[in-house]
Amino acid sequence: MSRAFGDSLQTIGSAELKIPGGMPRFVNAATLKRMLRAAPSDTLLKRSGAQWEICENSTRIDLLDDSVEFRLGTIQVFS
């Protein structure tokens, strides 16, 4: 994302996801988006220090790692 966009994202709401029994610990980003009932066009973002990184659908996610923050939504990328 361009610096013109800024470093902050607006929070519209939050959700906690209860992991069903027997669910694998590791899933890809596409599976997590589906579990959160996100639209296919929504973008999953991962906090990396003070910045946010776009997660590709194949990104491996540890569902039990509470130290990682994700955001879900639509974004506009400036080039």
PDB file of N, CA and C in Angstrom:
ATOM      1  N   MET A   1       0.846  -1.176   0.000  1.00  0.00           N
ATOM      2  CA  MET A   1       0.000   0.000   0.000  1.00  0.00           C
ATOM      3  C   MET A   1       0.888   1.235   0.000  1.00  0.00           C
ATOM      4  N   SER A   2       0.418   2.247  -0.614  1.00  0.00           N
ATOM      5  CA  SER A   2       1.165   3.492  -0.702  1.00  0.00           C
ATOM      6  C   SER A   2       1.136   4.243   0.623  1.00  0.00           C
ATOM      7  N   ARG A   3       2.175   5.004   0.893  1.00  0.00           N
ATOM      8  CA  ARG A   3       2.211   5.868   2.075  1.00  0.00           C
ATOM      9  C   ARG A   3       1.103   6.914   2.002  1.00  0.00           C
ATOM     10  N   ALA A   4       0.651   7.262   0.787  1.00  0.00           N
ATOM     11  CA  ALA A   4      -0.432   8.228   0.634  1.00  0.00           C
ATOM     12  C   ALA A   4      -1.710   7.712   1.282  1.00  0.00           C
ATOM     13  N   PHE A   5      -1.844   6.398   1.320  1.00  0.00           N
ATOM     14  CA  PHE A   5      -3.018   5.788   1.946  1.00  0.00           C
ATOM     15  C   PHE A   5      -2.963   5.922   3.457  1.00  0.00           C
ATOM     16  N   GLY A   6      -1.766   5.914   4.014  1.00  0.00           N
ATOM     17  CA  GLY A   6      -1.613   5.990   5.463  1.00  0.00           C
ATOM     18  C   GLY A   6      -1.314   4.630   6.054  1.00  0.00           C
ATOM     19  N   ASP A   7      -0.971   4.635   7.322  1.00  0.00           N
ATOM     20  CA  ASP A   7      -0.602   3.395   8.000  1.00  0.00           C
ATOM     21  C   ASP A   7      -1.732   2.806   8.828  1.00  0.00           C
ATOM     22  N   SER A   8      -2.829   3.515   8.973  1.00  0.00           N
ATOM     23  CA  SER A   8      -3.886   3.024   9.854  1.00  0.00           C
ATOM     24  C   SER A   8      -5.052   2.473   9.047  1.00  0.00           C
ATOM     25  N   LEU A   9      -5.706   1.487   9.610  1.00  0.00           N
ATOM     26  CA  LEU A   9      -6.898   0.902   9.026  1.00  0.00           C
ATOM     27  C   LEU A   9      -8.057   1.141   9.965  1.00  0.00           C
ATOM     28  N   GLN A  10      -9.212   1.394   9.420  1.00  0.00           N
ATOM     29  CA  GLN A  10     -10.393   1.630  10.243  1.00  0.00           C
ATOM     30  C   GLN A  10     -10.983   0.296  10.681  1.00  0.00           C
ATOM     31  N   THR A  11     -11.253   0.174  11.966  1.00  0.00           N
ATOM     32  CA  THR A  11     -11.879  -1.028  12.493  1.00  0.00           C
ATOM     33  C   THR A  11     -13.389  -0.844  12.468  1.00  0.00           C
ATOM     34  N   ILE A  12     -14.072  -1.753  11.800  1.00  0.00           N
ATOM     35  CA  ILE A  12     -15.526  -1.687  11.717  1.00  0.00           C
ATOM     36  C   ILE A  12     -16.160  -2.605  12.744  1.00  0.00           C
ATOM     37  N   GLY A  13     -15.512  -3.688  13.050  1.00  0.00           N
ATOM     38  CA  GLY A  13     -16.023  -4.648  14.020  1.00  0.00           C
ATOM     39  C   GLY A  13     -14.980  -5.704  14.265  1.00  0.00           C
ATOM     40  N   SER A  14     -15.241  -6.571  15.187  1.00  0.00           N
ATOM     41  CA  SER A  14     -14.319  -7.664  15.451  1.00  0.00           C
ATOM     42  C   SER A  14     -15.116  -8.935  15.686  1.00  0.00           C
ATOM     43  N   ALA A  15     -14.434 -10.034  15.511  1.00  0.00           N
ATOM     44  CA  ALA A  15     -15.077 -11.328  15.704  1.00  0.00           C
ATOM     45  C   ALA A  15     -14.077 -12.291  16.312  1.00  0.00           C
ATOM     46  N   GLU A  16     -14.572 -13.142  17.168  1.00  0.00           N
ATOM     47  CA  GLU A  16     -13.760 -14.226  17.695  1.00  0.00           C
ATOM     48  C   GLU A  16     -14.234 -15.495  17.023  1.00  0.00           C
ATOM     49  N   LEU A  17     -13.283 -16.316  16.709  1.00  0.00           N
ATOM     50  CA  LEU A  17     -13.572 -17.547  16.009  1.00  0.00           C
ATOM     51  C   LEU A  17     -13.312 -18.719  16.934  1.00  0.00           C
ATOM     52  N   LYS A  18     -14.338 -19.483  17.223  1.00  0.00           N
ATOM     53  CA  LYS A  18     -14.175 -20.677  18.039  1.00  0.00           C
ATOM     54  C   LYS A  18     -13.826 -21.828  17.102  1.00  0.00           C
ATOM     55  N   ILE A  19     -12.680 -22.454  17.369  1.00  0.00           N
ATOM     56  CA  ILE A  19     -12.202 -23.527  16.507  1.00  0.00           C
ATOM     57  C   ILE A  19     -12.926 -24.820  16.862  1.00  0.00           C
ATOM     58  N   PRO A  20     -13.605 -25.416  15.882  1.00  0.00           N
ATOM     59  CA  PRO A  20     -14.306 -26.668  16.158  1.00  0.00           C
ATOM     60  C   PRO A  20     -13.335 -27.796  16.504  1.00  0.00           C
ATOM     61  N   GLY A  21     -13.776 -28.722  17.340  1.00  0.00           N
ATOM     62  CA  GLY A  21     -12.953 -29.878  17.687  1.00  0.00           C
ATOM     63  C   GLY A  21     -12.564 -30.666  16.454  1.00  0.00           C
ATOM     64  N   GLY A  22     -11.344 -31.125  16.413  1.00  0.00           N
ATOM     65  CA  GLY A  22     -10.864 -31.896  15.274  1.00  0.00           C
ATOM     66  C   GLY A  22     -10.336 -31.040  14.139  1.00  0.00           C
ATOM     67  N   MET A  23     -10.450 -29.730  14.270  1.00  0.00           N
ATOM     68  CA  MET A  23      -9.951 -28.812  13.240  1.00  0.00           C
ATOM     69  C   MET A  23      -8.432 -28.801  13.277  1.00  0.00           C
ATOM     70  N   PRO A  24      -7.777 -28.830  12.128  1.00  0.00           N
ATOM     71  CA  PRO A  24      -6.315 -28.760  12.144  1.00  0.00           C
ATOM     72  C   PRO A  24      -5.822 -27.417  12.672  1.00  0.00           C
ATOM     73  N   ARG A  25      -4.651 -27.433  13.275  1.00  0.00           N
ATOM     74  CA  ARG A  25      -4.076 -26.213  13.843  1.00  0.00           C
ATOM     75  C   ARG A  25      -3.675 -25.223  12.750  1.00  0.00           C
ATOM     76  N   PHE A  26      -3.204 -25.730  11.634  1.00  0.00           N
ATOM     77  CA  PHE A  26      -2.742 -24.879  10.544  1.00  0.00           C
ATOM     78  C   PHE A  26      -3.729 -24.928   9.384  1.00  0.00           C
ATOM     79  N   VAL A  27      -4.099 -23.761   8.880  1.00  0.00           N
ATOM     80  CA  VAL A  27      -4.966 -23.644   7.707  1.00  0.00           C
ATOM     81  C   VAL A  27      -4.345 -22.609   6.777  1.00  0.00           C
ATOM     82  N   ASN A  28      -4.844 -22.543   5.559  1.00  0.00           N
ATOM     83  CA  ASN A  28      -4.365 -21.480   4.682  1.00  0.00           C
ATOM     84  C   ASN A  28      -5.311 -20.275   4.794  1.00  0.00           C
ATOM     85  N   ALA A  29      -4.885 -19.149   4.262  1.00  0.00           N
ATOM     86  CA  ALA A  29      -5.659 -17.908   4.387  1.00  0.00           C
ATOM     87  C   ALA A  29      -7.037 -18.036   3.742  1.00  0.00           C
ATOM     88  N   ALA A  30      -7.136 -18.764   2.640  1.00  0.00           N
ATOM     89  CA  ALA A  30      -8.429 -18.949   1.977  1.00  0.00           C
ATOM     90  C   ALA A  30      -9.414 -19.673   2.900  1.00  0.00           C
ATOM     91  N   THR A  31      -8.926 -20.673   3.632  1.00  0.00           N
ATOM     92  CA  THR A  31      -9.784 -21.408   4.568  1.00  0.00           C
ATOM     93  C   THR A  31     -10.228 -20.509   5.716  1.00  0.00           C
ATOM     94  N   LEU A  32      -9.313 -19.708   6.257  1.00  0.00           N
ATOM     95  CA  LEU A  32      -9.662 -18.798   7.343  1.00  0.00           C
ATOM     96  C   LEU A  32     -10.713 -17.788   6.880  1.00  0.00           C
ATOM     97  N   LYS A  33     -10.558 -17.242   5.687  1.00  0.00           N
ATOM     98  CA  LYS A  33     -11.549 -16.307   5.161  1.00  0.00           C
ATOM     99  C   LYS A  33     -12.911 -16.976   5.054  1.00  0.00           C
ATOM    100  N   ARG A  34     -12.927 -18.224   4.608  1.00  0.00           N
ATOM    101  CA  ARG A  34     -14.192 -18.966   4.476  1.00  0.00           C
ATOM    102  C   ARG A  34     -14.823 -19.207   5.849  1.00  0.00           C
ATOM    103  N   MET A  35     -13.984 -19.528   6.853  1.00  0.00           N
ATOM    104  CA  MET A  35     -14.481 -19.747   8.216  1.00  0.00           C
ATOM    105  C   MET A  35     -15.110 -18.474   8.789  1.00  0.00           C
ATOM    106  N   LEU A  36     -14.590 -17.320   8.371  1.00  0.00           N
ATOM    107  CA  LEU A  36     -15.104 -16.033   8.839  1.00  0.00           C
ATOM    108  C   LEU A  36     -16.253 -15.516   7.974  1.00  0.00           C
ATOM    109  N   ARG A  37     -16.682 -16.327   7.018  1.00  0.00           N
ATOM    110  CA  ARG A  37     -17.776 -15.980   6.099  1.00  0.00           C
ATOM    111  C   ARG A  37     -17.484 -14.705   5.318  1.00  0.00           C
ATOM    112  N   ALA A  38     -16.234 -14.561   4.925  1.00  0.00           N
ATOM    113  CA  ALA A  38     -15.813 -13.393   4.149  1.00  0.00           C
ATOM    114  C   ALA A  38     -16.153 -13.597   2.676  1.00  0.00           C
ATOM    115  N   ALA A  39     -16.315 -12.496   1.982  1.00  0.00           N
ATOM    116  CA  ALA A  39     -16.501 -12.551   0.537  1.00  0.00           C
ATOM    117  C   ALA A  39     -15.174 -12.938  -0.117  1.00  0.00           C
ATOM    118  N   PRO A  40     -15.226 -13.647  -1.226  1.00  0.00           N
ATOM    119  CA  PRO A  40     -13.980 -14.023  -1.907  1.00  0.00           C
ATOM    120  C   PRO A  40     -13.111 -12.811  -2.277  1.00  0.00           C
ATOM    121  N   SER A  41     -13.739 -11.667  -2.480  1.00  0.00           N
ATOM    122  CA  SER A  41     -12.993 -10.462  -2.847  1.00  0.00           C
ATOM    123  C   SER A  41     -12.358  -9.766  -1.646  1.00  0.00           C
ATOM    124  N   ASP A  42     -12.725 -10.159  -0.426  1.00  0.00           N
ATOM    125  CA  ASP A  42     -12.126  -9.552   0.766  1.00  0.00           C
ATOM    126  C   ASP A  42     -10.653  -9.930   0.865  1.00  0.00           C
ATOM    127  N   THR A  43      -9.878  -9.018   1.412  1.00  0.00           N
ATOM    128  CA  THR A  43      -8.441  -9.212   1.555  1.00  0.00           C
ATOM    129  C   THR A  43      -8.110  -9.492   3.011  1.00  0.00           C
ATOM    130  N   LEU A  44      -7.266 -10.482   3.253  1.00  0.00           N
ATOM    131  CA  LEU A  44      -6.798 -10.793   4.595  1.00  0.00           C
ATOM    132  C   LEU A  44      -5.446 -10.118   4.770  1.00  0.00           C
ATOM    133  N   LEU A  45      -5.338  -9.305   5.817  1.00  0.00           N
ATOM    134  CA  LEU A  45      -4.109  -8.583   6.115  1.00  0.00           C
ATOM    135  C   LEU A  45      -3.512  -9.104   7.410  1.00  0.00           C
ATOM    136  N   LYS A  46      -2.194  -9.132   7.477  1.00  0.00           N
ATOM    137  CA  LYS A  46      -1.472  -9.590   8.666  1.00  0.00           C
ATOM    138  C   LYS A  46      -0.566  -8.463   9.135  1.00  0.00           C
ATOM    139  N   ARG A  47      -0.616  -8.172  10.430  1.00  0.00           N
ATOM    140  CA  ARG A  47       0.252  -7.121  10.974  1.00  0.00           C
ATOM    141  C   ARG A  47       1.692  -7.623  10.993  1.00  0.00           C
ATOM    142  N   SER A  48       2.565  -6.785  10.463  1.00  0.00           N
ATOM    143  CA  SER A  48       3.986  -7.079  10.459  1.00  0.00           C
ATOM    144  C   SER A  48       4.701  -5.849  10.989  1.00  0.00           C
ATOM    145  N   GLY A  49       4.950  -5.824  12.292  1.00  0.00           N
ATOM    146  CA  GLY A  49       5.519  -4.632  12.922  1.00  0.00           C
ATOM    147  C   GLY A  49       4.500  -3.516  12.917  1.00  0.00           C
ATOM    148  N   ALA A  50       4.851  -2.385  12.325  1.00  0.00           N
ATOM    149  CA  ALA A  50       3.937  -1.240  12.259  1.00  0.00           C
ATOM    150  C   ALA A  50       3.166  -1.211  10.944  1.00  0.00           C
ATOM    151  N   GLN A  51       3.382  -2.199  10.082  1.00  0.00           N
ATOM    152  CA  GLN A  51       2.745  -2.221   8.769  1.00  0.00           C
ATOM    153  C   GLN A  51       1.825  -3.429   8.645  1.00  0.00           C
ATOM    154  N   TRP A  52       1.041  -3.441   7.575  1.00  0.00           N
ATOM    155  CA  TRP A  52       0.158  -4.549   7.263  1.00  0.00           C
ATOM    156  C   TRP A  52       0.606  -5.175   5.960  1.00  0.00           C
ATOM    157  N   GLU A  53       0.583  -6.508   5.903  1.00  0.00           N
ATOM    158  CA  GLU A  53       0.947  -7.249   4.696  1.00  0.00           C
ATOM    159  C   GLU A  53      -0.281  -7.981   4.176  1.00  0.00           C
ATOM    160  N   ILE A  54      -0.420  -8.028   2.876  1.00  0.00           N
ATOM    161  CA  ILE A  54      -1.514  -8.773   2.254  1.00  0.00           C
ATOM    162  C   ILE A  54      -1.163 -10.253   2.292  1.00  0.00           C
ATOM    163  N   CYS A  55      -2.096 -11.067   2.763  1.00  0.00           N
ATOM    164  CA  CYS A  55      -1.897 -12.518   2.808  1.00  0.00           C
ATOM    165  C   CYS A  55      -2.454 -13.143   1.532  1.00  0.00           C
ATOM    166  N   GLU A  56      -1.622 -13.871   0.831  1.00  0.00           N
ATOM    167  CA  GLU A  56      -2.088 -14.641  -0.327  1.00  0.00           C
ATOM    168  C   GLU A  56      -2.971 -15.778   0.197  1.00  0.00           C
ATOM    169  N   ASN A  57      -3.849 -16.295  -0.636  1.00  0.00           N
ATOM    170  CA  ASN A  57      -4.740 -17.371  -0.209  1.00  0.00           C
ATOM    171  C   ASN A  57      -3.985 -18.610   0.257  1.00  0.00           C
ATOM    172  N   SER A  58      -2.749 -18.782  -0.196  1.00  0.00           N
ATOM    173  CA  SER A  58      -1.969 -19.960   0.181  1.00  0.00           C
ATOM    174  C   SER A  58      -1.157 -19.756   1.462  1.00  0.00           C
ATOM    175  N   THR A  59      -1.214 -18.567   2.053  1.00  0.00           N
ATOM    176  CA  THR A  59      -0.452 -18.292   3.275  1.00  0.00           C
ATOM    177  C   THR A  59      -0.874 -19.236   4.387  1.00  0.00           C
ATOM    178  N   ARG A  60       0.106 -19.875   5.044  1.00  0.00           N
ATOM    179  CA  ARG A  60      -0.158 -20.808   6.150  1.00  0.00           C
ATOM    180  C   ARG A  60      -0.381 -20.017   7.432  1.00  0.00           C
ATOM    181  N   ILE A  61      -1.473 -20.312   8.143  1.00  0.00           N
ATOM    182  CA  ILE A  61      -1.846 -19.592   9.358  1.00  0.00           C
ATOM    183  C   ILE A  61      -1.979 -20.579  10.508  1.00  0.00           C
ATOM    184  N   ASP A  62      -1.353 -20.232  11.628  1.00  0.00           N
ATOM    185  CA  ASP A  62      -1.450 -21.023  12.858  1.00  0.00           C
ATOM    186  C   ASP A  62      -2.625 -20.476  13.667  1.00  0.00           C
ATOM    187  N   LEU A  63      -3.699 -21.221  13.762  1.00  0.00           N
ATOM    188  CA  LEU A  63      -4.902 -20.752  14.454  1.00  0.00           C
ATOM    189  C   LEU A  63      -4.712 -20.600  15.959  1.00  0.00           C
ATOM    190  N   LEU A  64      -3.672 -21.210  16.515  1.00  0.00           N
ATOM    191  CA  LEU A  64      -3.452 -21.133  17.959  1.00  0.00           C
ATOM    192  C   LEU A  64      -2.426 -20.071  18.349  1.00  0.00           C
ATOM    193  N   ASP A  65      -1.899 -19.331  17.396  1.00  0.00           N
ATOM    194  CA  ASP A  65      -0.904 -18.298  17.668  1.00  0.00           C
ATOM    195  C   ASP A  65      -1.603 -16.970  17.936  1.00  0.00           C
ATOM    196  N   ASP A  66      -1.739 -16.616  19.223  1.00  0.00           N
ATOM    197  CA  ASP A  66      -2.428 -15.383  19.610  1.00  0.00           C
ATOM    198  C   ASP A  66      -1.589 -14.129  19.404  1.00  0.00           C
ATOM    199  N   SER A  67      -0.319 -14.282  19.056  1.00  0.00           N
ATOM    200  CA  SER A  67       0.550 -13.117  18.902  1.00  0.00           C
ATOM    201  C   SER A  67       0.404 -12.456  17.533  1.00  0.00           C
ATOM    202  N   VAL A  68      -0.320 -13.076  16.629  1.00  0.00           N
ATOM    203  CA  VAL A  68      -0.468 -12.549  15.274  1.00  0.00           C
ATOM    204  C   VAL A  68      -1.843 -11.901  15.140  1.00  0.00           C
ATOM    205  N   GLU A  69      -1.878 -10.715  14.520  1.00  0.00           N
ATOM    206  CA  GLU A  69      -3.138  -9.990  14.318  1.00  0.00           C
ATOM    207  C   GLU A  69      -3.467  -9.963  12.834  1.00  0.00           C
ATOM    208  N   PHE A  70      -4.721 -10.263  12.525  1.00  0.00           N
ATOM    209  CA  PHE A  70      -5.206 -10.246  11.147  1.00  0.00           C
ATOM    210  C   PHE A  70      -6.360  -9.262  11.039  1.00  0.00           C
ATOM    211  N   ARG A  71      -6.523  -8.689   9.864  1.00  0.00           N
ATOM    212  CA  ARG A  71      -7.670  -7.848   9.533  1.00  0.00           C
ATOM    213  C   ARG A  71      -8.238  -8.359   8.225  1.00  0.00           C
ATOM    214  N   LEU A  72      -9.537  -8.196   8.073  1.00  0.00           N
ATOM    215  CA  LEU A  72     -10.221  -8.689   6.895  1.00  0.00           C
ATOM    216  C   LEU A  72     -11.057  -7.573   6.312  1.00  0.00           C
ATOM    217  N   GLY A  73     -11.030  -7.423   5.014  1.00  0.00           N
ATOM    218  CA  GLY A  73     -11.860  -6.420   4.367  1.00  0.00           C
ATOM    219  C   GLY A  73     -11.388  -6.092   2.972  1.00  0.00           C
ATOM    220  N   THR A  74     -11.914  -5.013   2.446  1.00  0.00           N
ATOM    221  CA  THR A  74     -11.515  -4.563   1.121  1.00  0.00           C
ATOM    222  C   THR A  74     -10.540  -3.419   1.283  1.00  0.00           C
ATOM    223  N   ILE A  75      -9.592  -3.319   0.377  1.00  0.00           N
ATOM    224  CA  ILE A  75      -8.611  -2.239   0.434  1.00  0.00           C
ATOM    225  C   ILE A  75      -8.443  -1.651  -0.953  1.00  0.00           C
ATOM    226  N   GLN A  76      -7.896  -0.469  -1.008  1.00  0.00           N
ATOM    227  CA  GLN A  76      -7.543   0.140  -2.279  1.00  0.00           C
ATOM    228  C   GLN A  76      -6.035   0.297  -2.296  1.00  0.00           C
ATOM    229  N   VAL A  77      -5.399  -0.232  -3.318  1.00  0.00           N
ATOM    230  CA  VAL A  77      -3.939  -0.183  -3.414  1.00  0.00           C
ATOM    231  C   VAL A  77      -3.576   0.908  -4.407  1.00  0.00           C
ATOM    232  N   PHE A  78      -2.728   1.820  -3.976  1.00  0.00           N
ATOM    233  CA  PHE A  78      -2.233   2.890  -4.833  1.00  0.00           C
ATOM    234  C   PHE A  78      -0.886   2.469  -5.390  1.00  0.00           C
ATOM    235  N   SER A  79      -0.651   2.762  -6.647  1.00  0.00           N
ATOM    236  CA  SER A  79       0.656   2.425  -7.227  1.00  0.00           C
ATOM    237  C   SER A  79       1.389   3.670  -7.656  1.00  0.00           C
TER     238      SER A  79
END
